[in-house]
Structure formats: structure tokens, C-alpha cells
Protein backbone atom coordinates (compact mmCIF):
# COMPACT_ATOMS: atom_id res chain seq x y z
CA UNK A 1 7.38 -5.90 14.14
CA UNK A 2 8.93 -2.61 15.31
CA UNK A 3 12.20 -4.44 16.02
CA UNK A 4 12.16 -5.83 12.49
CA UNK A 5 11.62 -2.34 11.07
CA UNK A 6 14.46 -0.91 13.14
CA UNK A 7 16.73 -3.79 12.13
CA UNK A 8 15.83 -3.35 8.47
CA UNK A 9 16.45 0.39 8.59
CA UNK A 10 19.86 -0.06 10.20
CA UNK A 11 20.75 -2.90 7.82
CA UNK A 12 19.90 -0.82 4.78
CA UNK A 13 22.00 2.11 5.99
CA UNK A 14 24.96 -0.19 6.69
CA UNK A 15 24.66 -2.06 3.39
CA UNK A 16 24.33 1.12 1.35
CA UNK A 17 27.82 2.10 2.36
CA UNK A 18 29.22 -1.31 1.37
CA UNK A 19 27.58 -2.17 -1.96
CA UNK A 20 26.76 -0.15 -5.07
CA UNK A 21 23.33 -1.69 -5.57
CA UNK A 22 21.03 -3.26 -3.02
CA UNK A 23 17.98 -5.48 -3.29
CA UNK A 24 16.47 -6.68 -0.04
CA UNK A 25 14.33 -9.75 -0.78
CA UNK A 26 11.13 -10.90 0.91
CA UNK A 27 10.76 -8.13 3.46
CA UNK A 28 7.59 -8.62 5.53
CA UNK A 29 5.34 -5.58 5.86
CA UNK A 30 2.56 -7.35 7.72
CA UNK A 31 1.63 -10.58 9.49
CA UNK A 32 0.05 -12.50 6.58
CA UNK A 33 2.35 -14.77 4.55
CA UNK A 34 1.50 -12.84 1.36
CA UNK A 35 2.49 -9.48 2.87
CA UNK A 36 6.06 -9.37 1.61
CA UNK A 37 7.98 -7.15 -0.77
CA UNK A 38 11.28 -6.87 -2.57
CA UNK A 39 12.96 -3.55 -1.82
CA UNK A 40 15.25 -2.08 -4.48
CA UNK A 41 17.50 0.69 -3.21
CA UNK A 42 19.04 3.32 -5.56
CA UNK A 43 22.62 2.68 -6.68
CA UNK A 44 23.91 6.06 -5.52
CA UNK A 45 24.25 6.01 -1.74
CA UNK A 46 24.37 9.82 -1.66
CA UNK A 47 20.69 9.94 -2.63
CA UNK A 48 18.32 10.69 0.22
CA UNK A 49 15.72 7.93 0.24
CA UNK A 50 12.56 10.01 0.04
CA UNK A 51 11.10 8.84 -3.29
CA UNK A 52 9.58 5.41 -3.65
CA UNK A 53 7.59 3.57 -6.28
CA UNK A 54 5.26 0.85 -5.04
CA UNK A 55 4.60 -1.85 -7.64
CA UNK A 56 1.44 -4.00 -7.76
CA UNK A 57 1.34 -7.15 -9.90
CA UNK A 58 -1.62 -8.30 -11.95
CA UNK A 59 -3.34 -11.64 -11.95
CA UNK A 60 -7.11 -11.06 -11.81
CA UNK A 61 -6.91 -10.58 -8.00
CA UNK A 62 -6.58 -14.35 -7.40
CA UNK A 63 -3.13 -15.15 -8.86
CA UNK A 64 0.16 -13.48 -9.70
CA UNK A 65 3.32 -12.63 -7.73
CA UNK A 66 5.64 -9.67 -7.38
CA UNK A 67 8.27 -11.47 -9.48
CA UNK A 68 5.98 -11.06 -12.50
CA UNK A 69 7.01 -7.39 -12.54
CA UNK A 70 10.79 -7.96 -12.51
CA UNK A 71 11.15 -6.84 -16.17
CA UNK A 72 9.37 -3.58 -15.28
CA UNK A 73 11.58 -3.12 -12.21
CA UNK A 74 14.70 -3.24 -14.40
CA UNK A 75 13.33 -0.57 -16.76
CA UNK A 76 12.15 1.68 -13.94
CA UNK A 77 15.49 1.40 -12.12
CA UNK A 78 17.17 2.58 -15.31
CA UNK A 79 14.72 5.45 -15.95
CA UNK A 80 14.26 6.56 -12.31
CA UNK A 81 17.58 5.78 -10.62
CA UNK A 82 16.86 7.98 -7.58
CA UNK A 83 13.67 6.10 -6.65
CA UNK A 84 13.54 3.17 -4.28
CA UNK A 85 11.15 0.47 -5.51
CA UNK A 86 8.90 -1.64 -3.30
CA UNK A 87 7.70 -4.53 -5.45
CA UNK A 88 4.99 -6.02 -3.26
CA UNK A 89 2.82 -9.08 -2.98
CA UNK A 90 -0.66 -8.59 -1.63
CA UNK A 91 -3.24 -10.99 -0.27
CA UNK A 92 -4.92 -12.84 -3.11
CA UNK A 93 -8.59 -13.64 -3.21
CA UNK A 94 -10.31 -17.01 -3.36
CA UNK A 95 -13.84 -18.36 -2.99
CA UNK A 96 -13.06 -19.01 0.70
CA UNK A 97 -11.50 -15.60 1.30
CA UNK A 98 -13.11 -12.67 -0.55
CA UNK A 99 -10.66 -10.50 -2.35
CA UNK A 100 -11.86 -6.99 -1.63
CA UNK A 101 -10.84 -4.73 0.16
CA UNK A 102 -7.93 -6.63 1.71
CA UNK A 103 -5.61 -5.67 -1.17
CA UNK A 104 -6.24 -1.98 -0.51
CA UNK A 105 -5.57 -2.59 3.18
CA UNK A 106 -2.26 -4.16 2.11
CA UNK A 107 -1.31 -1.06 0.13
CA UNK A 108 -2.08 1.07 3.19
CA UNK A 109 0.03 -1.30 5.32
CA UNK A 110 3.00 -1.15 2.95
CA UNK A 111 2.87 2.66 2.89
CA UNK A 112 2.84 2.77 6.70
CA UNK A 113 5.73 0.29 6.79
CA UNK A 114 7.81 2.31 4.31
CA UNK A 115 7.12 5.61 6.06
CA UNK A 116 8.18 4.14 9.39
CA UNK A 117 11.25 2.48 7.84
CA UNK A 118 12.61 5.46 5.92
CA UNK A 119 11.10 8.89 6.41
CA UNK A 120 7.57 10.07 6.96
CA UNK A 121 7.88 12.60 4.12
CA UNK A 122 8.18 9.99 1.37
CA UNK A 123 7.09 11.00 -2.09
CA UNK A 124 5.12 7.92 -3.16
CA UNK A 125 4.13 6.78 -6.64
CA UNK A 126 2.13 3.60 -7.27
CA UNK A 127 2.54 1.48 -10.41
CA UNK A 128 0.06 -1.28 -11.14
CA UNK A 129 -0.18 -3.85 -13.90
CA UNK A 130 -3.60 -5.17 -14.97
CA UNK A 131 -5.52 -6.04 -11.77
CA UNK A 132 -2.73 -4.31 -9.84
CA UNK A 133 -3.39 -1.20 -11.93
CA UNK A 134 -7.03 -1.18 -10.83
CA UNK A 135 -5.88 -1.50 -7.22
CA UNK A 136 -3.40 1.36 -7.74
CA UNK A 137 -6.17 3.56 -9.16
CA UNK A 138 -8.68 2.61 -6.45
CA UNK A 139 -6.22 3.24 -3.67
CA UNK A 140 -4.80 6.46 -5.08
CA UNK A 141 -8.08 8.12 -6.01
CA UNK A 142 -10.32 6.94 -3.19
CA UNK A 143 -8.58 5.22 -0.26
CA UNK A 144 -5.76 7.77 -0.07
CA UNK A 145 -8.16 10.73 0.07
CA UNK A 146 -7.45 11.69 3.67
CA UNK A 147 -3.68 11.15 3.89
CA UNK A 148 -2.76 12.02 0.29
CA UNK A 149 0.41 9.93 0.51
CA UNK A 150 0.33 8.97 -3.18
CA UNK A 151 1.63 11.70 -5.48
CA UNK A 152 1.39 9.76 -8.77
CA UNK A 153 -0.33 6.64 -10.04
CA UNK A 154 0.56 4.62 -13.14
CA UNK A 155 -2.00 2.24 -14.64
CA UNK A 156 -0.42 -0.29 -17.00
CA UNK A 157 -3.22 -2.11 -18.88
CA UNK A 158 -5.58 -1.67 -15.95
CA UNK A 159 -9.27 -2.52 -16.25
CA UNK A 160 -11.53 0.43 -15.56
CA UNK A 161 -14.94 -1.00 -16.55
CA UNK A 162 -15.87 -3.96 -14.36
CA UNK A 163 -19.33 -4.27 -15.90
CA UNK A 164 -17.98 -6.04 -19.01
CA UNK A 165 -18.93 -9.69 -19.50
CA UNK A 166 -15.54 -11.09 -18.47
CA UNK A 167 -15.93 -9.75 -14.91
CA UNK A 168 -19.68 -10.24 -14.59
CA UNK A 169 -19.49 -13.88 -15.70
CA UNK A 170 -16.64 -14.68 -13.31
CA UNK A 171 -18.19 -13.63 -10.02
CA UNK A 172 -16.64 -16.58 -8.18
CA UNK A 173 -13.31 -14.88 -8.78
CA UNK A 174 -14.48 -11.35 -7.98
CA UNK A 175 -16.68 -9.75 -5.37
CA UNK A 176 -20.40 -9.53 -5.98
CA UNK A 177 -21.40 -7.02 -8.63
CA UNK A 178 -25.08 -6.22 -8.31
CA UNK A 179 -25.42 -4.65 -11.77
CA UNK A 180 -24.28 -7.72 -13.70
């Protein structure tokens, strides 16, 4: 894994000098097949890569892919041209494999991967859509308490009340909620 990180880091530095825009597809950040991301590098190669936005797709924690956020990536690249974007997949849940907290572990893993690939003083923002927004909020406000890596969190249509009927009546898709 460390060799892959070193190779990726060198490849990005070399490619930045050759092309105006760079997207590195399907970069593994862990051992599980779902632990991959698309890495979008700023167009201006004079920018120091120390700002990154991590994107989390929606899909009710049991479906969805990073590609679902491609329209958002295009807008964010236009509005925040000096940010790198890590559009990530995370491990999805199923009846056989409970969904929580492995997604939050995946966010922690991607942050560690990015810090070891670029610089340890990354300024990190997390953007989540729907279920990904809930994960972004959970990670940023609770799981990141000790390290404080996340400097900003963006919730795009994220659920914040899991006691509503939709979640309580779909427990096979979510973890056990004792108050339902």
C-alpha cells in the first residue's frame, strides 16, 4: 500500500507538469473493493495541494456510487478551482454486512490516505449528499473530535432525524434503532 501511495504521489507531480487538468480514476485508499476514489487535481499546477474536498454520495447507505456526484464535482471545480476533490466510494451496507460504522471508518481511511499522499497539513472539507450528508455530519462533528482534520462540512439534503417512519420502518436497510 505504501508503494502505491508513493507511486501515486510521484505520478501526480509528474502529470501536473504535463497536463492542464488531471483526474486520476479509481484510486484505492483501502483493501476493500469499494474503497476507491476519483481524484480531481486543480488546473493550475502552481497551486500548492493543501486544500481538499471529500465528496460522499447518497443512496440510503445501501446503494449509490461516487459517479452520482459528477454533476456536483463540475460545479465545485468551477467555484473552488484551488481545491483538489476526492470523490469517494465507501462500503455499502446490506442485511449480511451491517452498514454502520464502516462508512465512517472509510472516511477516516481516506483522510489518512490523502494526508500521506499529499501533505499532513491538508485543509479538509467534507461534502455529502443525502445519506452521504449524514455521514459527513456524523464524521465531522463526532468522529473527527480528536484529530480535527475536517475544517468544514456541507450537508446537501442530508437527513438529520432518523426517528421518522421512513427509517424506522426500513430497519433491514439500516442499523437497529431502539426508539422506533
